[in-house]
């Protein structure tokens, strides 16, 4: 089938990102990549269908961008660069993670439309992908809060240190703000690419194809 190899290539890249995220204990990125892998491979396992090329390309591009961002972070090239006290290399990882989240969300909505009785238009598919990415960023705040608290950062309003050190607030808001910034161009590109397909044409192929 035409898109079988791109599907496996996309999954392999996502597995590579998942391995790095697990090694670095970035649990939210690991969870996003795990969802992306399952969403990518599920149609092929279910009925030997595969996503159209723009969804697979979105997955590949997002994984490559994450790998580049992780390499930059590990190399220390931006180790001394901060924006408002927050590491720029970490912000880059958050920005490109949004692409993976949106791709996973779009794939999930395509599967819901294809395998259930629900009828989802392309606009709702894009909205689902956008909401999924923002939800991931919002959930990211909870493990981040626990990590900051365990690391000794002031996180409660009653803590007098918050009057002079608001770094914890900026770090907690970084995932959501990064998702909002990155989701706009990514969703615009997904919408542009999806115009060439009907909502029922997002999955193609089959056992007899």
N, C-alpha and C. Protein backbone atom coordinates (compact mmCIF):
# COMPACT_ATOMS: atom_id res chain seq x y z
N UNK A 1 0.83 -1.20 0.00
CA UNK A 1 0.00 0.00 0.00
C UNK A 1 0.87 1.25 0.00
N UNK A 2 0.32 2.31 -0.59
CA UNK A 2 1.10 3.51 -0.84
C UNK A 2 1.67 4.12 0.44
N UNK A 3 0.87 4.21 1.48
CA UNK A 3 1.28 4.91 2.69
C UNK A 3 1.72 3.98 3.81
N UNK A 4 1.98 2.73 3.50
CA UNK A 4 2.39 1.80 4.56
C UNK A 4 3.79 2.14 5.06
N UNK A 5 4.74 2.37 4.17
CA UNK A 5 6.10 2.71 4.59
C UNK A 5 6.16 4.05 5.32
N UNK A 6 5.50 5.12 4.82
CA UNK A 6 5.49 6.36 5.60
C UNK A 6 4.88 6.19 6.98
N UNK A 7 3.91 5.30 7.10
CA UNK A 7 3.30 5.05 8.41
C UNK A 7 4.33 4.48 9.37
N UNK A 8 5.07 3.49 8.92
CA UNK A 8 6.08 2.87 9.79
C UNK A 8 7.23 3.84 10.07
N UNK A 9 7.60 4.64 9.08
CA UNK A 9 8.65 5.64 9.30
C UNK A 9 8.22 6.65 10.35
N UNK A 10 6.96 7.08 10.26
CA UNK A 10 6.41 8.00 11.25
C UNK A 10 6.42 7.38 12.64
N UNK A 11 6.04 6.11 12.73
CA UNK A 11 6.01 5.43 14.03
C UNK A 11 7.41 5.26 14.60
N UNK A 12 8.38 4.95 13.75
CA UNK A 12 9.76 4.77 14.21
C UNK A 12 10.32 6.07 14.78
N UNK A 13 10.06 7.19 14.09
CA UNK A 13 10.52 8.48 14.60
C UNK A 13 9.86 8.80 15.94
N UNK A 14 8.57 8.50 16.05
CA UNK A 14 7.86 8.75 17.31
C UNK A 14 8.41 7.88 18.43
N UNK A 15 8.79 6.65 18.11
CA UNK A 15 9.39 5.77 19.10
C UNK A 15 10.74 6.32 19.56
N UNK A 16 11.50 6.88 18.63
CA UNK A 16 12.79 7.48 19.00
C UNK A 16 12.58 8.65 19.97
N UNK A 17 11.58 9.48 19.68
CA UNK A 17 11.28 10.60 20.58
C UNK A 17 10.80 10.08 21.93
N UNK A 18 9.97 9.05 21.90
CA UNK A 18 9.48 8.46 23.15
C UNK A 18 10.63 7.93 24.00
N UNK A 19 11.62 7.32 23.37
CA UNK A 19 12.77 6.78 24.10
C UNK A 19 13.57 7.90 24.77
N UNK A 20 13.78 8.99 24.04
CA UNK A 20 14.52 10.13 24.61
C UNK A 20 13.73 10.76 25.75
N UNK A 21 12.42 10.91 25.55
CA UNK A 21 11.58 11.51 26.59
C UNK A 21 11.57 10.65 27.86
N UNK A 22 11.50 9.33 27.68
CA UNK A 22 11.52 8.44 28.83
C UNK A 22 12.87 8.49 29.54
N UNK A 23 13.94 8.56 28.76
CA UNK A 23 15.29 8.64 29.34
C UNK A 23 15.45 9.93 30.16
N UNK A 24 14.88 11.01 29.67
CA UNK A 24 15.00 12.30 30.35
C UNK A 24 13.88 12.53 31.37
N UNK A 25 13.04 11.52 31.55
CA UNK A 25 11.92 11.59 32.51
C UNK A 25 10.95 12.72 32.19
N UNK A 26 10.80 13.01 30.90
CA UNK A 26 9.79 13.98 30.46
C UNK A 26 8.51 13.19 30.20
N UNK A 27 7.74 12.99 31.26
CA UNK A 27 6.60 12.08 31.20
C UNK A 27 5.50 12.59 30.27
N UNK A 28 5.29 13.89 30.21
CA UNK A 28 4.23 14.41 29.35
C UNK A 28 4.57 14.23 27.88
N UNK A 29 5.80 14.52 27.50
CA UNK A 29 6.22 14.29 26.12
C UNK A 29 6.15 12.81 25.78
N UNK A 30 6.55 11.96 26.71
CA UNK A 30 6.48 10.51 26.48
C UNK A 30 5.03 10.08 26.28
N UNK A 31 4.11 10.65 27.06
CA UNK A 31 2.70 10.29 26.92
C UNK A 31 2.15 10.74 25.57
N UNK A 32 2.51 11.94 25.15
CA UNK A 32 2.06 12.45 23.84
C UNK A 32 2.55 11.54 22.72
N UNK A 33 3.81 11.16 22.79
CA UNK A 33 4.37 10.30 21.74
C UNK A 33 3.75 8.91 21.77
N UNK A 34 3.44 8.41 22.94
CA UNK A 34 2.78 7.09 23.04
C UNK A 34 1.40 7.14 22.38
N UNK A 35 0.66 8.22 22.63
CA UNK A 35 -0.64 8.39 22.00
C UNK A 35 -0.49 8.51 20.49
N UNK A 36 0.52 9.25 20.04
CA UNK A 36 0.77 9.43 18.61
C UNK A 36 1.10 8.10 17.94
N UNK A 37 1.90 7.28 18.60
CA UNK A 37 2.26 5.97 18.03
C UNK A 37 1.03 5.09 17.89
N UNK A 38 0.22 5.02 18.94
CA UNK A 38 -1.00 4.20 18.89
C UNK A 38 -1.95 4.71 17.82
N UNK A 39 -2.13 6.03 17.76
CA UNK A 39 -3.04 6.61 16.76
C UNK A 39 -2.53 6.36 15.34
N UNK A 40 -1.22 6.37 15.17
CA UNK A 40 -0.64 6.16 13.83
C UNK A 40 -0.84 4.72 13.36
N UNK A 41 -0.63 3.77 14.25
CA UNK A 41 -0.65 2.36 13.87
C UNK A 41 -2.03 1.71 13.96
N UNK A 42 -2.94 2.32 14.68
CA UNK A 42 -4.24 1.67 14.91
C UNK A 42 -5.01 1.35 13.63
N UNK A 43 -5.14 2.29 12.66
CA UNK A 43 -5.90 1.94 11.45
C UNK A 43 -5.31 0.75 10.69
N UNK A 44 -3.99 0.67 10.62
CA UNK A 44 -3.36 -0.45 9.93
C UNK A 44 -3.64 -1.76 10.63
N UNK A 45 -3.66 -1.72 11.96
CA UNK A 45 -3.98 -2.93 12.71
C UNK A 45 -5.46 -3.28 12.60
N UNK A 46 -6.31 -2.27 12.57
CA UNK A 46 -7.76 -2.48 12.58
C UNK A 46 -8.25 -3.04 11.25
N UNK A 47 -7.93 -2.37 10.15
CA UNK A 47 -8.47 -2.82 8.86
C UNK A 47 -7.50 -2.55 7.71
N UNK A 48 -6.21 -2.44 8.03
CA UNK A 48 -5.17 -2.28 7.01
C UNK A 48 -5.32 -0.98 6.21
N UNK A 49 -5.86 0.05 6.84
CA UNK A 49 -5.93 1.36 6.20
C UNK A 49 -4.82 2.24 6.75
N UNK A 50 -4.56 3.35 6.06
CA UNK A 50 -3.51 4.27 6.49
C UNK A 50 -3.98 5.70 6.25
N UNK A 51 -3.42 6.61 7.03
CA UNK A 51 -3.78 8.01 6.89
C UNK A 51 -3.28 8.57 5.56
N UNK A 52 -3.94 9.64 5.13
CA UNK A 52 -3.47 10.33 3.93
C UNK A 52 -2.13 10.98 4.24
N UNK A 53 -1.42 11.37 3.19
CA UNK A 53 -0.03 11.76 3.32
C UNK A 53 0.19 12.98 4.22
N UNK A 54 -0.71 13.96 4.21
CA UNK A 54 -0.43 15.17 4.98
C UNK A 54 -0.43 14.91 6.49
N UNK A 55 -1.24 13.95 6.95
CA UNK A 55 -1.23 13.60 8.37
C UNK A 55 0.06 12.88 8.75
N UNK A 56 0.53 12.00 7.88
CA UNK A 56 1.78 11.30 8.14
C UNK A 56 2.96 12.27 8.09
N UNK A 57 2.92 13.20 7.15
CA UNK A 57 3.98 14.21 7.08
C UNK A 57 3.97 15.09 8.32
N UNK A 58 2.80 15.42 8.82
CA UNK A 58 2.70 16.21 10.04
C UNK A 58 3.33 15.48 11.21
N UNK A 59 3.11 14.17 11.27
CA UNK A 59 3.71 13.36 12.34
C UNK A 59 5.22 13.31 12.20
N UNK A 60 5.70 13.10 10.99
CA UNK A 60 7.15 13.01 10.74
C UNK A 60 7.83 14.34 11.07
N UNK A 61 7.24 15.43 10.59
CA UNK A 61 7.84 16.75 10.82
C UNK A 61 7.88 17.08 12.31
N UNK A 62 6.80 16.80 13.01
CA UNK A 62 6.77 17.09 14.45
C UNK A 62 7.82 16.28 15.20
N UNK A 63 7.98 15.01 14.83
CA UNK A 63 8.98 14.17 15.49
C UNK A 63 10.40 14.66 15.20
N UNK A 64 10.66 15.03 13.96
CA UNK A 64 11.98 15.54 13.60
C UNK A 64 12.29 16.83 14.35
N UNK A 65 11.31 17.72 14.44
CA UNK A 65 11.51 18.98 15.16
C UNK A 65 11.78 18.73 16.65
N UNK A 66 11.08 17.77 17.22
CA UNK A 66 11.33 17.44 18.63
C UNK A 66 12.73 16.87 18.82
N UNK A 67 13.15 16.00 17.90
CA UNK A 67 14.50 15.44 17.99
C UNK A 67 15.55 16.54 17.89
N UNK A 68 15.33 17.50 17.00
CA UNK A 68 16.27 18.62 16.88
C UNK A 68 16.29 19.45 18.16
N UNK A 69 15.10 19.74 18.70
CA UNK A 69 15.02 20.53 19.93
C UNK A 69 15.68 19.80 21.10
N UNK A 70 15.50 18.49 21.17
CA UNK A 70 16.13 17.71 22.23
C UNK A 70 17.65 17.71 22.06
N UNK A 71 18.10 17.61 20.81
CA UNK A 71 19.54 17.63 20.56
C UNK A 71 20.14 18.97 20.96
N UNK A 72 19.44 20.06 20.66
CA UNK A 72 19.92 21.39 21.04
C UNK A 72 19.99 21.50 22.56
N UNK A 73 18.98 20.97 23.23
CA UNK A 73 18.96 21.03 24.70
C UNK A 73 20.08 20.20 25.30
N UNK A 74 20.28 19.01 24.79
CA UNK A 74 21.32 18.13 25.32
C UNK A 74 22.72 18.66 25.02
N UNK A 75 22.87 19.34 23.89
CA UNK A 75 24.19 19.88 23.53
C UNK A 75 24.60 21.08 24.37
N UNK A 76 23.62 21.72 24.98
CA UNK A 76 23.92 22.90 25.79
C UNK A 76 24.12 24.16 24.99
N UNK A 77 23.75 24.15 23.70
CA UNK A 77 23.95 25.33 22.87
C UNK A 77 23.17 26.54 23.40
N UNK A 78 22.02 26.28 23.97
CA UNK A 78 21.20 27.36 24.54
C UNK A 78 21.11 27.23 26.05
N UNK A 79 22.10 26.57 26.62
CA UNK A 79 22.06 26.32 28.06
C UNK A 79 22.04 27.57 28.91
N UNK A 80 22.64 28.64 28.41
CA UNK A 80 22.71 29.88 29.17
C UNK A 80 21.74 30.94 28.66
N UNK A 81 20.81 30.54 27.80
CA UNK A 81 19.86 31.48 27.24
C UNK A 81 18.51 31.30 27.93
N UNK A 82 18.00 32.38 28.51
CA UNK A 82 16.74 32.32 29.24
C UNK A 82 15.82 33.45 28.78
N UNK A 83 14.54 33.21 28.87
CA UNK A 83 13.55 34.24 28.61
C UNK A 83 12.65 34.34 29.84
N UNK A 84 12.79 35.43 30.57
CA UNK A 84 12.03 35.59 31.80
C UNK A 84 12.41 34.57 32.85
N UNK A 85 13.65 34.11 32.79
CA UNK A 85 14.10 33.12 33.74
C UNK A 85 13.83 31.68 33.33
N UNK A 86 13.11 31.48 32.23
CA UNK A 86 12.77 30.14 31.75
C UNK A 86 13.71 29.77 30.60
N UNK A 87 14.22 28.54 30.63
CA UNK A 87 15.16 28.08 29.62
C UNK A 87 14.53 28.12 28.23
N UNK A 88 15.22 28.75 27.30
CA UNK A 88 14.73 28.85 25.92
C UNK A 88 14.70 27.48 25.26
N UNK A 89 15.66 26.62 25.56
CA UNK A 89 15.68 25.28 24.97
C UNK A 89 14.46 24.47 25.39
N UNK A 90 14.01 24.66 26.64
CA UNK A 90 12.80 23.98 27.10
C UNK A 90 11.57 24.54 26.40
N UNK A 91 11.55 25.85 26.19
CA UNK A 91 10.44 26.47 25.47
C UNK A 91 10.35 25.93 24.05
N UNK A 92 11.50 25.72 23.40
CA UNK A 92 11.51 25.16 22.05
C UNK A 92 10.90 23.76 22.04
N UNK A 93 11.22 22.96 23.05
CA UNK A 93 10.65 21.61 23.14
C UNK A 93 9.13 21.69 23.31
N UNK A 94 8.68 22.62 24.14
CA UNK A 94 7.23 22.79 24.34
C UNK A 94 6.55 23.22 23.05
N UNK A 95 7.18 24.10 22.29
CA UNK A 95 6.58 24.58 21.05
C UNK A 95 6.40 23.45 20.04
N UNK A 96 7.44 22.65 19.85
CA UNK A 96 7.36 21.60 18.84
C UNK A 96 6.53 20.41 19.33
N UNK A 97 6.42 20.24 20.65
CA UNK A 97 5.56 19.18 21.19
C UNK A 97 4.11 19.43 20.83
N UNK A 98 3.75 20.70 20.67
CA UNK A 98 2.38 21.05 20.29
C UNK A 98 2.02 20.46 18.93
N UNK A 99 3.00 20.43 18.01
CA UNK A 99 2.75 19.84 16.71
C UNK A 99 2.41 18.36 16.81
N UNK A 100 3.13 17.63 17.67
CA UNK A 100 2.84 16.22 17.88
C UNK A 100 1.47 16.04 18.52
N UNK A 101 1.13 16.92 19.47
CA UNK A 101 -0.17 16.83 20.13
C UNK A 101 -1.31 17.07 19.15
N UNK A 102 -1.15 18.07 18.28
CA UNK A 102 -2.20 18.37 17.31
C UNK A 102 -2.35 17.26 16.29
N UNK A 103 -1.23 16.68 15.87
CA UNK A 103 -1.29 15.57 14.92
C UNK A 103 -1.99 14.37 15.54
N UNK A 104 -1.64 14.05 16.78
CA UNK A 104 -2.30 12.94 17.47
C UNK A 104 -3.79 13.20 17.62
N UNK A 105 -4.15 14.44 17.99
CA UNK A 105 -5.55 14.78 18.14
C UNK A 105 -6.31 14.67 16.83
N UNK A 106 -5.69 15.10 15.74
CA UNK A 106 -6.33 15.00 14.43
C UNK A 106 -6.53 13.55 14.04
N UNK A 107 -5.53 12.71 14.28
CA UNK A 107 -5.65 11.28 13.96
C UNK A 107 -6.75 10.62 14.78
N UNK A 108 -6.84 10.99 16.04
CA UNK A 108 -7.90 10.42 16.90
C UNK A 108 -9.28 10.79 16.36
N UNK A 109 -9.45 12.05 15.98
CA UNK A 109 -10.75 12.48 15.46
C UNK A 109 -11.08 11.79 14.15
N UNK A 110 -10.07 11.55 13.31
CA UNK A 110 -10.29 10.81 12.06
C UNK A 110 -10.75 9.38 12.36
N UNK A 111 -10.13 8.75 13.35
CA UNK A 111 -10.51 7.39 13.72
C UNK A 111 -11.92 7.35 14.30
N UNK A 112 -12.27 8.34 15.10
CA UNK A 112 -13.64 8.39 15.66
C UNK A 112 -14.66 8.51 14.54
N UNK A 113 -14.37 9.36 13.55
CA UNK A 113 -15.28 9.53 12.42
C UNK A 113 -15.38 8.26 11.58
N UNK A 114 -14.27 7.54 11.46
CA UNK A 114 -14.21 6.38 10.57
C UNK A 114 -14.76 5.10 11.21
N UNK A 115 -14.48 4.92 12.50
CA UNK A 115 -14.79 3.64 13.14
C UNK A 115 -16.00 3.66 14.05
N UNK A 116 -16.60 4.81 14.25
CA UNK A 116 -17.79 4.89 15.09
C UNK A 116 -18.94 5.49 14.28
N UNK A 117 -20.10 5.58 14.92
CA UNK A 117 -21.26 6.15 14.25
C UNK A 117 -21.27 7.67 14.29
N UNK A 118 -20.29 8.25 14.97
CA UNK A 118 -20.21 9.71 15.05
C UNK A 118 -19.84 10.30 13.69
N UNK A 119 -20.45 11.43 13.39
CA UNK A 119 -20.16 12.15 12.15
C UNK A 119 -19.43 13.44 12.52
N UNK A 120 -18.16 13.51 12.14
CA UNK A 120 -17.34 14.66 12.51
C UNK A 120 -16.87 15.36 11.23
N UNK A 121 -17.21 16.62 11.10
CA UNK A 121 -16.77 17.38 9.95
C UNK A 121 -15.29 17.74 10.10
N UNK A 122 -14.69 18.19 9.02
CA UNK A 122 -13.26 18.54 9.07
C UNK A 122 -12.99 19.69 10.03
N UNK A 123 -13.91 20.63 10.11
CA UNK A 123 -13.72 21.75 11.04
C UNK A 123 -13.71 21.26 12.48
N UNK A 124 -14.59 20.31 12.79
CA UNK A 124 -14.61 19.77 14.15
C UNK A 124 -13.39 18.90 14.41
N UNK A 125 -12.88 18.24 13.36
CA UNK A 125 -11.64 17.48 13.52
C UNK A 125 -10.50 18.41 13.91
N UNK A 126 -10.41 19.55 13.22
CA UNK A 126 -9.36 20.52 13.53
C UNK A 126 -9.56 21.12 14.92
N UNK A 127 -10.81 21.38 15.28
CA UNK A 127 -11.08 21.91 16.61
C UNK A 127 -10.71 20.88 17.68
N UNK A 128 -11.01 19.62 17.42
CA UNK A 128 -10.64 18.56 18.36
C UNK A 128 -9.13 18.51 18.53
N UNK A 129 -8.40 18.60 17.42
CA UNK A 129 -6.93 18.57 17.48
C UNK A 129 -6.40 19.75 18.27
N UNK A 130 -6.98 20.92 18.06
CA UNK A 130 -6.55 22.12 18.78
C UNK A 130 -6.84 21.98 20.27
N UNK A 131 -8.03 21.51 20.61
CA UNK A 131 -8.40 21.33 22.02
C UNK A 131 -7.54 20.26 22.68
N UNK A 132 -7.20 19.22 21.92
CA UNK A 132 -6.35 18.15 22.47
C UNK A 132 -4.98 18.70 22.83
N UNK A 133 -4.42 19.52 21.93
CA UNK A 133 -3.10 20.10 22.20
C UNK A 133 -3.13 21.03 23.40
N UNK A 134 -4.17 21.84 23.51
CA UNK A 134 -4.29 22.75 24.65
C UNK A 134 -4.54 21.99 25.94
N UNK A 135 -5.30 20.89 25.85
CA UNK A 135 -5.55 20.07 27.03
C UNK A 135 -4.27 19.43 27.54
N UNK A 136 -3.44 18.96 26.61
CA UNK A 136 -2.15 18.38 27.00
C UNK A 136 -1.31 19.42 27.72
N UNK A 137 -1.28 20.63 27.19
CA UNK A 137 -0.50 21.70 27.82
C UNK A 137 -1.05 22.04 29.20
N UNK A 138 -2.38 22.04 29.34
CA UNK A 138 -2.98 22.35 30.63
C UNK A 138 -2.67 21.26 31.66
N UNK A 139 -2.75 20.00 31.22
CA UNK A 139 -2.45 18.89 32.13
C UNK A 139 -0.98 18.93 32.55
N UNK A 140 -0.13 19.42 31.65
CA UNK A 140 1.31 19.53 31.93
C UNK A 140 1.56 20.35 33.20
N UNK A 141 0.66 21.27 33.52
CA UNK A 141 0.85 22.14 34.67
C UNK A 141 0.84 21.36 35.98
N UNK A 142 0.11 20.26 36.04
CA UNK A 142 -0.01 19.53 37.30
C UNK A 142 1.27 18.80 37.69
N UNK A 143 1.88 17.98 36.81
CA UNK A 143 3.18 17.41 37.19
C UNK A 143 4.25 18.47 37.36
N UNK A 144 4.15 19.58 36.60
CA UNK A 144 5.09 20.67 36.75
C UNK A 144 4.97 21.31 38.13
N UNK A 145 3.73 21.46 38.60
CA UNK A 145 3.48 22.02 39.94
C UNK A 145 4.12 21.14 41.01
N UNK A 146 3.92 19.82 40.88
CA UNK A 146 4.49 18.89 41.87
C UNK A 146 6.01 18.95 41.84
N UNK A 147 6.58 19.00 40.64
CA UNK A 147 8.03 19.05 40.51
C UNK A 147 8.60 20.33 41.12
N UNK A 148 7.94 21.45 40.85
CA UNK A 148 8.40 22.72 41.42
C UNK A 148 8.29 22.71 42.94
N UNK A 149 7.20 22.16 43.44
CA UNK A 149 7.01 22.11 44.90
C UNK A 149 8.07 21.25 45.56
N UNK A 150 8.34 20.09 44.97
CA UNK A 150 9.35 19.19 45.52
C UNK A 150 10.75 19.77 45.40
N UNK A 151 10.95 20.66 44.42
CA UNK A 151 12.27 21.27 44.23
C UNK A 151 12.47 22.50 45.10
N UNK A 152 11.45 22.89 45.86
CA UNK A 152 11.60 24.00 46.77
C UNK A 152 11.18 25.35 46.24
N UNK A 153 10.57 25.39 45.04
CA UNK A 153 10.12 26.67 44.49
C UNK A 153 8.84 27.13 45.20
N UNK A 154 8.63 28.41 45.34
CA UNK A 154 7.38 28.90 45.92
C UNK A 154 6.22 28.74 44.93
N UNK A 155 5.19 28.06 45.34
CA UNK A 155 4.07 27.79 44.44
C UNK A 155 2.72 28.19 45.04
N UNK A 156 2.68 28.48 46.32
CA UNK A 156 1.43 28.86 46.96
C UNK A 156 1.42 30.37 47.22
N UNK A 157 0.23 30.95 47.15
CA UNK A 157 0.10 32.39 47.33
C UNK A 157 0.54 32.84 48.73
N UNK A 158 0.41 31.92 49.71
CA UNK A 158 0.80 32.27 51.07
C UNK A 158 2.31 32.36 51.26
N UNK A 159 3.06 31.83 50.29
CA UNK A 159 4.52 31.84 50.39
C UNK A 159 5.03 33.25 50.14
N UNK A 160 5.71 33.82 51.13
CA UNK A 160 6.18 35.19 51.02
C UNK A 160 7.23 35.36 49.92
N UNK A 161 7.89 34.28 49.53
CA UNK A 161 8.92 34.38 48.50
C UNK A 161 8.33 34.76 47.15
N UNK A 162 7.03 34.53 46.95
CA UNK A 162 6.40 34.86 45.68
C UNK A 162 6.39 36.36 45.41
N UNK A 163 6.54 37.17 46.45
CA UNK A 163 6.56 38.62 46.25
C UNK A 163 7.81 39.08 45.53
N UNK A 164 8.88 38.29 45.61
CA UNK A 164 10.15 38.66 44.95
C UNK A 164 10.57 37.68 43.88
N UNK A 165 9.98 36.48 43.85
CA UNK A 165 10.38 35.46 42.88
C UNK A 165 9.14 34.84 42.25
N UNK A 166 8.84 35.27 41.02
CA UNK A 166 7.66 34.75 40.30
C UNK A 166 8.06 33.73 39.24
N UNK A 167 9.24 33.15 39.35
CA UNK A 167 9.72 32.22 38.34
C UNK A 167 8.81 31.00 38.23
N UNK A 168 8.32 30.51 39.36
CA UNK A 168 7.45 29.34 39.33
C UNK A 168 6.18 29.61 38.53
N UNK A 169 5.64 30.82 38.63
CA UNK A 169 4.45 31.17 37.85
C UNK A 169 4.75 31.13 36.36
N UNK A 170 5.89 31.68 35.98
CA UNK A 170 6.26 31.70 34.55
C UNK A 170 6.49 30.29 34.03
N UNK A 171 7.08 29.43 34.84
CA UNK A 171 7.32 28.06 34.41
C UNK A 171 6.01 27.28 34.28
N UNK A 172 5.06 27.54 35.18
CA UNK A 172 3.77 26.86 35.11
C UNK A 172 2.98 27.29 33.88
N UNK A 173 3.12 28.54 33.47
CA UNK A 173 2.37 29.04 32.32
C UNK A 173 3.06 28.75 31.00
N UNK A 174 4.33 28.37 31.02
CA UNK A 174 5.08 28.15 29.78
C UNK A 174 4.45 27.11 28.86
N UNK A 175 3.99 25.94 29.37
CA UNK A 175 3.40 24.95 28.45
C UNK A 175 2.16 25.46 27.73
N UNK A 176 1.26 26.14 28.45
CA UNK A 176 0.02 26.63 27.84
C UNK A 176 0.30 27.74 26.84
N UNK A 177 1.14 28.70 27.22
CA UNK A 177 1.46 29.80 26.31
C UNK A 177 2.18 29.29 25.06
N UNK A 178 3.07 28.33 25.23
CA UNK A 178 3.77 27.75 24.07
C UNK A 178 2.80 27.03 23.16
N UNK A 179 1.84 26.32 23.75
CA UNK A 179 0.85 25.61 22.95
C UNK A 179 -0.01 26.57 22.15
N UNK A 180 -0.41 27.68 22.77
CA UNK A 180 -1.23 28.67 22.06
C UNK A 180 -0.47 29.25 20.88
N UNK A 181 0.79 29.59 21.09
CA UNK A 181 1.60 30.19 20.03
C UNK A 181 1.83 29.20 18.88
N UNK A 182 2.18 27.96 19.21
CA UNK A 182 2.50 26.98 18.16
C UNK A 182 1.26 26.41 17.49
N UNK A 183 0.15 26.35 18.21
CA UNK A 183 -1.05 25.74 17.65
C UNK A 183 -1.65 26.54 16.51
N UNK A 184 -1.47 27.85 16.54
CA UNK A 184 -2.07 28.69 15.50
C UNK A 184 -1.52 28.38 14.10
N UNK A 185 -0.19 28.42 13.89
CA UNK A 185 0.30 28.10 12.55
C UNK A 185 0.13 26.62 12.19
N UNK A 186 0.23 25.74 13.20
CA UNK A 186 0.09 24.30 12.90
C UNK A 186 -1.34 23.98 12.48
N UNK A 187 -2.32 24.55 13.17
CA UNK A 187 -3.71 24.30 12.81
C UNK A 187 -4.05 24.91 11.46
N UNK A 188 -3.46 26.08 11.17
CA UNK A 188 -3.70 26.71 9.86
C UNK A 188 -3.17 25.84 8.73
N UNK A 189 -2.01 25.23 8.96
CA UNK A 189 -1.43 24.36 7.93
C UNK A 189 -2.24 23.08 7.77
N UNK A 190 -2.69 22.50 8.88
CA UNK A 190 -3.54 21.30 8.80
C UNK A 190 -4.83 21.60 8.06
N UNK A 191 -5.40 22.76 8.32
CA UNK A 191 -6.63 23.13 7.64
C UNK A 191 -6.40 23.29 6.15
N UNK A 192 -5.29 23.92 5.78
CA UNK A 192 -4.98 24.11 4.36
C UNK A 192 -4.80 22.78 3.65
N UNK A 193 -4.10 21.85 4.29
CA UNK A 193 -3.86 20.55 3.66
C UNK A 193 -5.12 19.69 3.60
N UNK A 194 -6.01 19.86 4.58
CA UNK A 194 -7.21 19.01 4.64
C UNK A 194 -8.26 19.41 3.62
N UNK A 195 -8.12 20.59 3.02
CA UNK A 195 -9.12 21.05 2.05
C UNK A 195 -9.19 20.16 0.82
N UNK A 196 -8.13 19.41 0.56
CA UNK A 196 -8.10 18.56 -0.63
C UNK A 196 -8.77 17.20 -0.40
N UNK A 197 -9.25 16.97 0.80
CA UNK A 197 -9.82 15.66 1.13
C UNK A 197 -11.19 15.82 1.77
N UNK A 198 -12.07 14.87 1.47
CA UNK A 198 -13.33 14.76 2.17
C UNK A 198 -13.07 14.16 3.55
N UNK A 199 -13.96 14.41 4.50
CA UNK A 199 -13.74 13.90 5.85
C UNK A 199 -13.67 12.38 5.89
N UNK A 200 -14.30 11.72 4.93
CA UNK A 200 -14.27 10.26 4.88
C UNK A 200 -13.11 9.71 4.06
N UNK A 201 -12.25 10.60 3.57
CA UNK A 201 -11.10 10.18 2.77
C UNK A 201 -9.78 10.31 3.52
N UNK A 202 -9.84 10.58 4.81
CA UNK A 202 -8.62 10.75 5.60
C UNK A 202 -7.90 9.43 5.83
N UNK A 203 -8.64 8.33 5.71
CA UNK A 203 -8.05 6.98 5.79
C UNK A 203 -8.29 6.30 4.45
N UNK A 204 -7.24 5.68 3.94
CA UNK A 204 -7.33 5.03 2.63
C UNK A 204 -6.70 3.65 2.68
N UNK A 205 -7.04 2.85 1.70
CA UNK A 205 -6.50 1.50 1.63
C UNK A 205 -7.46 0.50 2.23
N UNK A 206 -6.96 -0.69 2.45
CA UNK A 206 -7.78 -1.75 2.99
C UNK A 206 -7.16 -3.09 2.65
N UNK A 207 -7.75 -4.18 3.11
CA UNK A 207 -7.17 -5.49 2.88
C UNK A 207 -7.10 -5.88 1.41
N UNK A 208 -7.95 -5.27 0.59
CA UNK A 208 -7.95 -5.62 -0.83
C UNK A 208 -7.34 -4.55 -1.71
N UNK A 209 -6.74 -3.53 -1.06
CA UNK A 209 -6.17 -2.41 -1.83
C UNK A 209 -4.79 -2.76 -2.34
